[in-house]
Amino acid sequence: NPVLLRLLAVAGLLSFTTELAQAQLVLYALQDLGLDEAAFGVFA
């Protein structure tokens, strides 16, 4: 099923590329934006 296979490839790559940044969200908020731990919860 080439359509679903391509969708799976896109989903896997999307998961990979978004996690590059999502895993760094806490550092982004605390260090780059200068937020405190309580304010970080607003992102969620």
PDB file of all heavy atoms in Angstrom:
ATOM      1  N   ASN A   1       0.852  -1.183   0.000  1.00  0.00           N
ATOM      2  CA  ASN A   1       0.000   0.000   0.000  1.00  0.00           C
ATOM      3  C   ASN A   1       0.889   1.235   0.000  1.00  0.00           C
ATOM      4  O   ASN A   1       1.230   1.773   1.058  1.00  0.00           O
ATOM      5  CB  ASN A   1      -0.927   0.007   1.221  1.00  0.00           C
ATOM      6  CG  ASN A   1      -2.015   1.065   1.109  1.00  0.00           C
ATOM      7  OD1 ASN A   1      -1.731   2.244   1.089  1.00  0.00           O
ATOM      8  ND2 ASN A   1      -3.266   0.621   1.023  1.00  0.00           N
ATOM      9  N   PRO A   2       1.297   1.707  -1.164  1.00  0.00           N
ATOM     10  CA  PRO A   2       2.283   2.794  -1.229  1.00  0.00           C
ATOM     11  C   PRO A   2       1.837   4.089  -0.566  1.00  0.00           C
ATOM     12  O   PRO A   2       2.658   4.818  -0.019  1.00  0.00           O
ATOM     13  CB  PRO A   2       2.514   2.977  -2.733  1.00  0.00           C
ATOM     14  CG  PRO A   2       1.325   2.349  -3.393  1.00  0.00           C
ATOM     15  CD  PRO A   2       0.895   1.246  -2.508  1.00  0.00           C
ATOM     16  N   VAL A   3       0.531   4.392  -0.605  1.00  0.00           N
ATOM     17  CA  VAL A   3       0.072   5.635   0.010  1.00  0.00           C
ATOM     18  C   VAL A   3       0.309   5.604   1.515  1.00  0.00           C
ATOM     19  O   VAL A   3       0.888   6.536   2.096  1.00  0.00           O
ATOM     20  CB  VAL A   3      -1.416   5.884  -0.296  1.00  0.00           C
ATOM     21  CG1 VAL A   3      -1.943   7.057   0.534  1.00  0.00           C
ATOM     22  CG2 VAL A   3      -1.621   6.153  -1.780  1.00  0.00           C
ATOM     23  N   LEU A   4      -0.132   4.526   2.180  1.00  0.00           N
ATOM     24  CA  LEU A   4       0.038   4.446   3.626  1.00  0.00           C
ATOM     25  C   LEU A   4       1.513   4.318   3.991  1.00  0.00           C
ATOM     26  O   LEU A   4       1.949   4.823   5.032  1.00  0.00           O
ATOM     27  CB  LEU A   4      -0.759   3.274   4.202  1.00  0.00           C
ATOM     28  CG  LEU A   4      -1.055   3.416   5.705  1.00  0.00           C
ATOM     29  CD1 LEU A   4      -1.979   4.598   5.961  1.00  0.00           C
ATOM     30  CD2 LEU A   4      -1.660   2.144   6.259  1.00  0.00           C
ATOM     31  N   LEU A   5       2.289   3.651   3.154  1.00  0.00           N
ATOM     32  CA  LEU A   5       3.723   3.523   3.419  1.00  0.00           C
ATOM     33  C   LEU A   5       4.392   4.900   3.392  1.00  0.00           C
ATOM     34  O   LEU A   5       5.236   5.219   4.238  1.00  0.00           O
ATOM     35  CB  LEU A   5       4.362   2.596   2.386  1.00  0.00           C
ATOM     36  CG  LEU A   5       5.801   2.139   2.677  1.00  0.00           C
ATOM     37  CD1 LEU A   5       5.873   1.384   3.990  1.00  0.00           C
ATOM     38  CD2 LEU A   5       6.303   1.272   1.528  1.00  0.00           C
ATOM     39  N   ARG A   6       3.998   5.732   2.428  1.00  0.00           N
ATOM     40  CA  ARG A   6       4.549   7.083   2.383  1.00  0.00           C
ATOM     41  C   ARG A   6       4.085   7.909   3.574  1.00  0.00           C
ATOM     42  O   ARG A   6       4.839   8.712   4.130  1.00  0.00           O
ATOM     43  CB  ARG A   6       4.163   7.758   1.067  1.00  0.00           C
ATOM     44  CG  ARG A   6       4.885   7.186  -0.152  1.00  0.00           C
ATOM     45  CD  ARG A   6       4.758   8.103  -1.361  1.00  0.00           C
ATOM     46  NE  ARG A   6       3.383   8.219  -1.832  1.00  0.00           N
ATOM     47  CZ  ARG A   6       2.844   7.431  -2.762  1.00  0.00           C
ATOM     48  NH1 ARG A   6       3.561   6.446  -3.300  1.00  0.00           N
ATOM     49  NH2 ARG A   6       1.607   7.605  -3.151  1.00  0.00           N
ATOM     50  N   LEU A   7       2.824   7.716   3.981  1.00  0.00           N
ATOM     51  CA  LEU A   7       2.341   8.413   5.162  1.00  0.00           C
ATOM     52  C   LEU A   7       3.122   8.003   6.405  1.00  0.00           C
ATOM     53  O   LEU A   7       3.423   8.836   7.274  1.00  0.00           O
ATOM     54  CB  LEU A   7       0.854   8.138   5.370  1.00  0.00           C
ATOM     55  CG  LEU A   7      -0.116   8.818   4.404  1.00  0.00           C
ATOM     56  CD1 LEU A   7      -1.547   8.364   4.691  1.00  0.00           C
ATOM     57  CD2 LEU A   7      -0.007  10.328   4.490  1.00  0.00           C
ATOM     58  N   LEU A   8       3.451   6.728   6.510  1.00  0.00           N
ATOM     59  CA  LEU A   8       4.247   6.253   7.643  1.00  0.00           C
ATOM     60  C   LEU A   8       5.624   6.913   7.635  1.00  0.00           C
ATOM     61  O   LEU A   8       6.133   7.333   8.686  1.00  0.00           O
ATOM     62  CB  LEU A   8       4.387   4.735   7.586  1.00  0.00           C
ATOM     63  CG  LEU A   8       5.320   4.095   8.627  1.00  0.00           C
ATOM     64  CD1 LEU A   8       4.880   4.455  10.045  1.00  0.00           C
ATOM     65  CD2 LEU A   8       5.353   2.588   8.443  1.00  0.00           C
ATOM     66  N   ALA A   9       6.239   7.013   6.461  1.00  0.00           N
ATOM     67  CA  ALA A   9       7.546   7.661   6.370  1.00  0.00           C
ATOM     68  C   ALA A   9       7.456   9.119   6.802  1.00  0.00           C
ATOM     69  O   ALA A   9       8.319   9.627   7.544  1.00  0.00           O
ATOM     70  CB  ALA A   9       8.083   7.555   4.947  1.00  0.00           C
ATOM     71  N   VAL A  10       6.407   9.813   6.351  1.00  0.00           N
ATOM     72  CA  VAL A  10       6.223  11.213   6.735  1.00  0.00           C
ATOM     73  C   VAL A  10       6.006  11.327   8.243  1.00  0.00           C
ATOM     74  O   VAL A  10       6.590  12.194   8.906  1.00  0.00           O
ATOM     75  CB  VAL A  10       5.032  11.829   5.969  1.00  0.00           C
ATOM     76  CG1 VAL A  10       4.664  13.194   6.550  1.00  0.00           C
ATOM     77  CG2 VAL A  10       5.358  11.959   4.486  1.00  0.00           C
ATOM     78  N   ALA A  11       5.169  10.441   8.823  1.00  0.00           N
ATOM     79  CA  ALA A  11       4.896  10.483  10.261  1.00  0.00           C
ATOM     80  C   ALA A  11       6.168  10.242  11.067  1.00  0.00           C
ATOM     81  O   ALA A  11       6.409  10.911  12.082  1.00  0.00           O
ATOM     82  CB  ALA A  11       3.828   9.454  10.624  1.00  0.00           C
ATOM     83  N   GLY A  12       6.985   9.278  10.635  1.00  0.00           N
ATOM     84  CA  GLY A  12       8.232   9.008  11.335  1.00  0.00           C
ATOM     85  C   GLY A  12       9.188  10.188  11.277  1.00  0.00           C
ATOM     86  O   GLY A  12       9.806  10.569  12.284  1.00  0.00           O
ATOM     87  N   LEU A  13       9.324  10.784  10.100  1.00  0.00           N
ATOM     88  CA  LEU A  13      10.206  11.946   9.953  1.00  0.00           C
ATOM     89  C   LEU A  13       9.671  13.153  10.728  1.00  0.00           C
ATOM     90  O   LEU A  13      10.450  13.928  11.302  1.00  0.00           O
ATOM     91  CB  LEU A  13      10.364  12.295   8.473  1.00  0.00           C
ATOM     92  CG  LEU A  13      11.198  11.308   7.653  1.00  0.00           C
ATOM     93  CD1 LEU A  13      11.081  11.611   6.166  1.00  0.00           C
ATOM     94  CD2 LEU A  13      12.661  11.349   8.100  1.00  0.00           C
ATOM     95  N   LEU A  14       8.357  13.320  10.762  1.00  0.00           N
ATOM     96  CA  LEU A  14       7.774  14.416  11.530  1.00  0.00           C
ATOM     97  C   LEU A  14       8.047  14.225  13.021  1.00  0.00           C
ATOM     98  O   LEU A  14       8.399  15.182  13.731  1.00  0.00           O
ATOM     99  CB  LEU A  14       6.271  14.496  11.266  1.00  0.00           C
ATOM    100  CG  LEU A  14       5.517  15.616  11.988  1.00  0.00           C
ATOM    101  CD1 LEU A  14       6.057  16.987  11.569  1.00  0.00           C
ATOM    102  CD2 LEU A  14       4.022  15.523  11.712  1.00  0.00           C
ATOM    103  N   SER A  15       7.881  13.001  13.502  1.00  0.00           N
ATOM    104  CA  SER A  15       8.175  12.708  14.899  1.00  0.00           C
ATOM    105  C   SER A  15       9.632  13.025  15.225  1.00  0.00           C
ATOM    106  O   SER A  15       9.945  13.637  16.256  1.00  0.00           O
ATOM    107  CB  SER A  15       7.872  11.237  15.186  1.00  0.00           C
ATOM    108  OG  SER A  15       8.137  10.909  16.526  1.00  0.00           O
ATOM    109  N   PHE A  16      10.533  12.632  14.334  1.00  0.00           N
ATOM    110  CA  PHE A  16      11.964  12.861  14.534  1.00  0.00           C
ATOM    111  C   PHE A  16      12.295  14.345  14.526  1.00  0.00           C
ATOM    112  O   PHE A  16      12.983  14.852  15.429  1.00  0.00           O
ATOM    113  CB  PHE A  16      12.747  12.137  13.438  1.00  0.00           C
ATOM    114  CG  PHE A  16      14.223  12.335  13.489  1.00  0.00           C
ATOM    115  CD1 PHE A  16      15.015  11.569  14.338  1.00  0.00           C
ATOM    116  CD2 PHE A  16      14.837  13.293  12.690  1.00  0.00           C
ATOM    117  CE1 PHE A  16      16.382  11.755  14.393  1.00  0.00           C
ATOM    118  CE2 PHE A  16      16.204  13.484  12.730  1.00  0.00           C
ATOM    119  CZ  PHE A  16      16.984  12.720  13.581  1.00  0.00           C
ATOM    120  N   THR A  17      11.804  15.085  13.530  1.00  0.00           N
ATOM    121  CA  THR A  17      12.189  16.490  13.392  1.00  0.00           C
ATOM    122  C   THR A  17      11.566  17.366  14.477  1.00  0.00           C
ATOM    123  O   THR A  17      12.205  18.326  14.941  1.00  0.00           O
ATOM    124  CB  THR A  17      11.801  17.031  12.006  1.00  0.00           C
ATOM    125  OG1 THR A  17      10.402  16.811  11.761  1.00  0.00           O
ATOM    126  CG2 THR A  17      12.609  16.344  10.909  1.00  0.00           C
ATOM    127  N   THR A  18      10.340  17.075  14.902  1.00  0.00           N
ATOM    128  CA  THR A  18       9.748  17.877  15.974  1.00  0.00           C
ATOM    129  C   THR A  18      10.426  17.609  17.308  1.00  0.00           C
ATOM    130  O   THR A  18      10.604  18.522  18.121  1.00  0.00           O
ATOM    131  CB  THR A  18       8.238  17.613  16.107  1.00  0.00           C
ATOM    132  OG1 THR A  18       8.004  16.211  16.302  1.00  0.00           O
ATOM    133  CG2 THR A  18       7.488  18.087  14.872  1.00  0.00           C
ATOM    134  N   GLU A  19      10.844  16.357  17.539  1.00  0.00           N
ATOM    135  CA  GLU A  19      11.475  16.026  18.819  1.00  0.00           C
ATOM    136  C   GLU A  19      12.848  16.662  18.955  1.00  0.00           C
ATOM    137  O   GLU A  19      13.323  16.858  20.079  1.00  0.00           O
ATOM    138  CB  GLU A  19      11.567  14.508  18.984  1.00  0.00           C
ATOM    139  CG  GLU A  19      11.924  14.040  20.382  1.00  0.00           C
ATOM    140  CD  GLU A  19      10.889  14.431  21.431  1.00  0.00           C
ATOM    141  OE1 GLU A  19       9.714  14.682  21.057  1.00  0.00           O
ATOM    142  OE2 GLU A  19      11.252  14.498  22.611  1.00  0.00           O
ATOM    143  N   LEU A  20      13.501  16.993  17.847  1.00  0.00           N
ATOM    144  CA  LEU A  20      14.765  17.727  17.925  1.00  0.00           C
ATOM    145  C   LEU A  20      14.622  18.925  18.856  1.00  0.00           C
ATOM    146  O   LEU A  20      15.480  19.185  19.710  1.00  0.00           O
ATOM    147  CB  LEU A  20      15.171  18.232  16.535  1.00  0.00           C
ATOM    148  CG  LEU A  20      15.595  17.228  15.466  1.00  0.00           C
ATOM    149  CD1 LEU A  20      15.801  17.950  14.134  1.00  0.00           C
ATOM    150  CD2 LEU A  20      16.858  16.494  15.878  1.00  0.00           C
ATOM    151  N   ALA A  21      13.512  19.660  18.685  1.00  0.00           N
ATOM    152  CA  ALA A  21      13.295  20.871  19.468  1.00  0.00           C
ATOM    153  C   ALA A  21      12.501  20.610  20.740  1.00  0.00           C
ATOM    154  O   ALA A  21      12.793  21.190  21.789  1.00  0.00           O
ATOM    155  CB  ALA A  21      12.569  21.908  18.615  1.00  0.00           C
ATOM    156  N   GLN A  22      11.493  19.745  20.677  1.00  0.00           N
ATOM    157  CA  GLN A  22      10.649  19.530  21.851  1.00  0.00           C
ATOM    158  C   GLN A  22      11.453  19.040  23.046  1.00  0.00           C
ATOM    159  O   GLN A  22      11.177  19.420  24.181  1.00  0.00           O
ATOM    160  CB  GLN A  22       9.539  18.522  21.521  1.00  0.00           C
ATOM    161  CG  GLN A  22       8.409  19.104  20.704  1.00  0.00           C
ATOM    162  CD  GLN A  22       7.136  18.298  20.847  1.00  0.00           C
ATOM    163  OE1 GLN A  22       6.268  18.629  21.641  1.00  0.00           O
ATOM    164  NE2 GLN A  22       7.020  17.243  20.070  1.00  0.00           N
ATOM    165  N   ALA A  23      12.462  18.212  22.796  1.00  0.00           N
ATOM    166  CA  ALA A  23      13.294  17.717  23.895  1.00  0.00           C
ATOM    167  C   ALA A  23      14.116  18.833  24.530  1.00  0.00           C
ATOM    168  O   ALA A  23      14.610  18.689  25.649  1.00  0.00           O
ATOM    169  CB  ALA A  23      14.224  16.616  23.387  1.00  0.00           C
ATOM    170  N   GLN A  24      14.264  19.956  23.819  1.00  0.00           N
ATOM    171  CA  GLN A  24      15.036  21.097  24.323  1.00  0.00           C
ATOM    172  C   GLN A  24      14.143  22.215  24.850  1.00  0.00           C
ATOM    173  O   GLN A  24      14.627  23.303  25.175  1.00  0.00           O
ATOM    174  CB  GLN A  24      15.925  21.638  23.200  1.00  0.00           C
ATOM    175  CG  GLN A  24      16.898  20.640  22.624  1.00  0.00           C
ATOM    176  CD  GLN A  24      17.877  20.136  23.667  1.00  0.00           C
ATOM    177  OE1 GLN A  24      18.595  20.908  24.282  1.00  0.00           O
ATOM    178  NE2 GLN A  24      17.888  18.829  23.878  1.00  0.00           N
ATOM    179  N   LEU A  25      12.834  21.972  24.933  1.00  0.00           N
ATOM    180  CA  LEU A  25      11.903  23.034  25.294  1.00  0.00           C
ATOM    181  C   LEU A  25      12.201  23.619  26.674  1.00  0.00           C
ATOM    182  O   LEU A  25      12.138  24.837  26.869  1.00  0.00           O
ATOM    183  CB  LEU A  25      10.464  22.507  25.239  1.00  0.00           C
ATOM    184  CG  LEU A  25       9.361  23.534  25.543  1.00  0.00           C
ATOM    185  CD1 LEU A  25       9.384  24.664  24.512  1.00  0.00           C
ATOM    186  CD2 LEU A  25       7.993  22.854  25.567  1.00  0.00           C
ATOM    187  N   VAL A  26      12.536  22.770  27.635  1.00  0.00           N
ATOM    188  CA  VAL A  26      12.787  23.286  28.983  1.00  0.00           C
ATOM    189  C   VAL A  26      14.016  24.186  28.997  1.00  0.00           C
ATOM    190  O   VAL A  26      14.027  25.242  29.651  1.00  0.00           O
ATOM    191  CB  VAL A  26      12.916  22.120  29.996  1.00  0.00           C
ATOM    192  CG1 VAL A  26      14.132  21.250  29.687  1.00  0.00           C
ATOM    193  CG2 VAL A  26      12.988  22.652  31.423  1.00  0.00           C
ATOM    194  N   LEU A  27      15.075  23.813  28.277  1.00  0.00           N
ATOM    195  CA  LEU A  27      16.261  24.668  28.204  1.00  0.00           C
ATOM    196  C   LEU A  27      15.953  25.964  27.448  1.00  0.00           C
ATOM    197  O   LEU A  27      16.436  27.041  27.812  1.00  0.00           O
ATOM    198  CB  LEU A  27      17.409  23.926  27.520  1.00  0.00           C
ATOM    199  CG  LEU A  27      17.992  22.732  28.272  1.00  0.00           C
ATOM    200  CD1 LEU A  27      19.096  22.087  27.445  1.00  0.00           C
ATOM    201  CD2 LEU A  27      18.516  23.153  29.639  1.00  0.00           C
ATOM    202  N   TYR A  28      15.165  25.851  26.396  1.00  0.00           N
ATOM    203  CA  TYR A  28      14.754  27.029  25.625  1.00  0.00           C
ATOM    204  C   TYR A  28      14.027  28.028  26.526  1.00  0.00           C
ATOM    205  O   TYR A  28      14.304  29.237  26.494  1.00  0.00           O
ATOM    206  CB  TYR A  28      13.856  26.586  24.472  1.00  0.00           C
ATOM    207  CG  TYR A  28      13.183  27.707  23.721  1.00  0.00           C
ATOM    208  CD1 TYR A  28      13.872  28.450  22.760  1.00  0.00           C
ATOM    209  CD2 TYR A  28      11.848  28.030  23.970  1.00  0.00           C
ATOM    210  CE1 TYR A  28      13.248  29.486  22.067  1.00  0.00           C
ATOM    211  CE2 TYR A  28      11.220  29.054  23.279  1.00  0.00           C
ATOM    212  CZ  TYR A  28      11.923  29.783  22.335  1.00  0.00           C
ATOM    213  OH  TYR A  28      11.305  30.793  21.654  1.00  0.00           O
ATOM    214  N   ALA A  29      13.103  27.527  27.345  1.00  0.00           N
ATOM    215  CA  ALA A  29      12.323  28.409  28.203  1.00  0.00           C
ATOM    216  C   ALA A  29      13.157  29.000  29.334  1.00  0.00           C
ATOM    217  O   ALA A  29      13.092  30.209  29.601  1.00  0.00           O
ATOM    218  CB  ALA A  29      11.126  27.649  28.774  1.00  0.00           C
ATOM    219  N   LEU A  30      13.948  28.155  29.998  1.00  0.00           N
ATOM    220  CA  LEU A  30      14.686  28.613  31.172  1.00  0.00           C
ATOM    221  C   LEU A  30      15.907  29.444  30.815  1.00  0.00           C
ATOM    222  O   LEU A  30      16.199  30.449  31.468  1.00  0.00           O
ATOM    223  CB  LEU A  30      15.102  27.410  32.032  1.00  0.00           C
ATOM    224  CG  LEU A  30      13.969  26.537  32.586  1.00  0.00           C
ATOM    225  CD1 LEU A  30      14.536  25.403  33.422  1.00  0.00           C
ATOM    226  CD2 LEU A  30      12.986  27.358  33.404  1.00  0.00           C
ATOM    227  N   GLN A  31      16.641  29.027  29.783  1.00  0.00           N
ATOM    228  CA  GLN A  31      17.897  29.693  29.451  1.00  0.00           C
ATOM    229  C   GLN A  31      17.714  30.784  28.398  1.00  0.00           C
ATOM    230  O   GLN A  31      18.129  31.926  28.597  1.00  0.00           O
ATOM    231  CB  GLN A  31      18.925  28.663  28.970  1.00  0.00           C
ATOM    232  CG  GLN A  31      19.324  27.658  30.049  1.00  0.00           C
ATOM    233  CD  GLN A  31      20.358  26.659  29.559  1.00  0.00           C
ATOM    234  OE1 GLN A  31      20.746  26.648  28.391  1.00  0.00           O
ATOM    235  NE2 GLN A  31      20.818  25.800  30.455  1.00  0.00           N
ATOM    236  N   ASP A  32      17.090  30.452  27.280  1.00  0.00           N
ATOM    237  CA  ASP A  32      17.003  31.427  26.185  1.00  0.00           C
ATOM    238  C   ASP A  32      15.968  32.518  26.465  1.00  0.00           C
ATOM    239  O   ASP A  32      16.176  33.678  26.104  1.00  0.00           O
ATOM    240  CB  ASP A  32      16.670  30.722  24.874  1.00  0.00           C
ATOM    241  CG  ASP A  32      17.789  29.803  24.405  1.00  0.00           C
ATOM    242  OD1 ASP A  32      18.664  29.472  25.232  1.00  0.00           O
ATOM    243  OD2 ASP A  32      17.791  29.415  23.223  1.00  0.00           O
ATOM    244  N   LEU A  33      14.853  32.149  27.090  1.00  0.00           N
ATOM    245  CA  LEU A  33      13.816  33.136  27.381  1.00  0.00           C
ATOM    246  C   LEU A  33      13.903  33.682  28.804  1.00  0.00           C
ATOM    247  O   LEU A  33      13.244  34.664  29.126  1.00  0.00           O
ATOM    248  CB  LEU A  33      12.422  32.536  27.153  1.00  0.00           C
ATOM    249  CG  LEU A  33      12.089  32.106  25.724  1.00  0.00           C
ATOM    250  CD1 LEU A  33      10.682  31.525  25.666  1.00  0.00           C
ATOM    251  CD2 LEU A  33      12.236  33.256  24.737  1.00  0.00           C
ATOM    252  N   GLY A  34      14.687  33.027  29.664  1.00  0.00           N
ATOM    253  CA  GLY A  34      14.874  33.498  31.030  1.00  0.00           C
ATOM    254  C   GLY A  34      13.682  33.295  31.936  1.00  0.00           C
ATOM    255  O   GLY A  34      13.515  34.028  32.926  1.00  0.00           O
ATOM    256  N   LEU A  35      12.843  32.311  31.650  1.00  0.00           N
ATOM    257  CA  LEU A  35      11.681  32.040  32.492  1.00  0.00           C
ATOM    258  C   LEU A  35      12.087  31.235  33.719  1.00  0.00           C
ATOM    259  O   LEU A  35      13.123  30.562  33.739  1.00  0.00           O
ATOM    260  CB  LEU A  35      10.625  31.273  31.693  1.00  0.00           C
ATOM    261  CG  LEU A  35      10.072  31.958  30.442  1.00  0.00           C
ATOM    262  CD1 LEU A  35       9.088  31.031  29.741  1.00  0.00           C
ATOM    263  CD2 LEU A  35       9.408  33.278  30.800  1.00  0.00           C
ATOM    264  N   ASP A  36      11.238  31.267  34.755  1.00  0.00           N
ATOM    265  CA  ASP A  36      11.475  30.391  35.902  1.00  0.00           C
ATOM    266  C   ASP A  36      10.683  29.105  35.718  1.00  0.00           C
ATOM    267  O   ASP A  36       9.924  28.941  34.762  1.00  0.00           O
ATOM    268  CB  ASP A  36      11.118  31.081  37.222  1.00  0.00           C
ATOM    269  CG  ASP A  36       9.655  31.537  37.280  1.00  0.00           C
ATOM    270  OD1 ASP A  36       8.821  30.961  36.551  1.00  0.00           O
ATOM    271  OD2 ASP A  36       9.352  32.453  38.049  1.00  0.00           O
ATOM    272  N   GLU A  37      10.869  28.176  36.661  1.00  0.00           N
ATOM    273  CA  GLU A  37      10.251  26.852  36.521  1.00  0.00           C
ATOM    274  C   GLU A  37       8.728  26.931  36.504  1.00  0.00           C
ATOM    275  O   GLU A  37       8.060  26.189  35.785  1.00  0.00           O
ATOM    276  CB  GLU A  37      10.719  25.923  37.652  1.00  0.00           C
ATOM    277  CG  GLU A  37      12.144  25.445  37.527  1.00  0.00           C
ATOM    278  CD  GLU A  37      13.167  26.500  37.967  1.00  0.00           C
ATOM    279  OE1 GLU A  37      12.754  27.598  38.400  1.00  0.00           O
ATOM    280  OE2 GLU A  37      14.375  26.211  37.876  1.00  0.00           O
ATOM    281  N   ALA A  38       8.163  27.841  37.309  1.00  0.00           N
ATOM    282  CA  ALA A  38       6.702  27.960  37.342  1.00  0.00           C
ATOM    283  C   ALA A  38       6.164  28.461  36.009  1.00  0.00           C
ATOM    284  O   ALA A  38       5.162  27.963  35.501  1.00  0.00           O
ATOM    285  CB  ALA A  38       6.288  28.894  38.474  1.00  0.00           C
ATOM    286  N   ALA A  39       6.849  29.447  35.427  1.00  0.00           N
ATOM    287  CA  ALA A  39       6.401  29.995  34.153  1.00  0.00           C
ATOM    288  C   ALA A  39       6.535  28.975  33.031  1.00  0.00           C
ATOM    289  O   ALA A  39       5.771  29.010  32.062  1.00  0.00           O
ATOM    290  CB  ALA A  39       7.182  31.262  33.817  1.00  0.00           C
ATOM    291  N   PHE A  40       7.492  28.053  33.169  1.00  0.00           N
ATOM    292  CA  PHE A  40       7.660  27.040  32.135  1.00  0.00           C
ATOM    293  C   PHE A  40       6.395  26.207  31.972  1.00  0.00           C
ATOM    294  O   PHE A  40       6.054  25.770  30.869  1.00  0.00           O
ATOM    295  CB  PHE A  40       8.843  26.136  32.468  1.00  0.00           C
ATOM    296  CG  PHE A  40       8.938  24.908  31.607  1.00  0.00           C
ATOM    297  CD1 PHE A  40       9.232  25.015  30.258  1.00  0.00           C
ATOM    298  CD2 PHE A  40       8.706  23.644  32.126  1.00  0.00           C
ATOM    299  CE1 PHE A  40       9.309  23.898  29.445  1.00  0.00           C
ATOM    300  CE2 PHE A  40       8.783  22.520  31.333  1.00  0.00           C
ATOM    301  CZ  PHE A  40       9.082  22.645  29.981  1.00  0.00           C
ATOM    302  N   GLY A  41       5.668  25.990  33.075  1.00  0.00           N
ATOM    303  CA  GLY A  41       4.444  25.205  33.003  1.00  0.00           C
ATOM    304  C   GLY A  41       3.405  25.804  32.083  1.00  0.00           C
ATOM    305  O   GLY A  41       2.521  25.100  31.585  1.00  0.00           O
ATOM    306  N   VAL A  42       3.497  27.120  31.831  1.00  0.00           N
ATOM    307  CA  VAL A  42       2.543  27.772  30.937  1.00  0.00           C
ATOM    308  C   VAL A  42       2.663  27.220  29.523  1.00  0.00           C
ATOM    309  O   VAL A  42       1.673  27.146  28.786  1.00  0.00           O
ATOM    310  CB  VAL A  42       2.765  29.302  30.950  1.00  0.00           C
ATOM    311  CG1 VAL A  42       1.859  29.989  29.936  1.00  0.00           C
ATOM    312  CG2 VAL A  42       2.515  29.846  32.350  1.00  0.00           C
ATOM    313  N   PHE A  43       3.879  26.810  29.124  1.00  0.00           N
ATOM    314  CA  PHE A  43       4.058  26.260  27.791  1.00  0.00           C
ATOM    315  C   PHE A  43       3.192  25.017  27.604  1.00  0.00           C
ATOM    316  O   PHE A  43       2.559  24.840  26.558  1.00  0.00           O
ATOM    317  CB  PHE A  43       5.532  25.929  27.530  1.00  0.00           C
ATOM    318  CG  PHE A  43       6.316  27.068  26.966  1.00  0.00           C
ATOM    319  CD1 PHE A  43       6.965  27.956  27.800  1.00  0.00           C
ATOM    320  CD2 PHE A  43       6.397  27.271  25.600  1.00  0.00           C
ATOM    321  CE1 PHE A  43       7.686  29.014  27.294  1.00  0.00           C
ATOM    322  CE2 PHE A  43       7.118  28.323  25.067  1.00  0.00           C
ATOM    323  CZ  PHE A  43       7.763  29.203  25.921  1.00  0.00           C
ATOM    324  N   ALA A  44       3.191  24.142  28.614  1.00  0.00           N
ATOM    325  CA  ALA A  44       2.369  22.932  28.519  1.00  0.00           C
ATOM    326  C   ALA A  44       0.895  23.290  28.445  1.00  0.00           C
ATOM    327  O   ALA A  44       0.132  22.692  27.666  1.00  0.00           O
ATOM    328  CB  ALA A  44       2.631  22.024  29.723  1.00  0.00           C
TER     329      ALA A  44
END
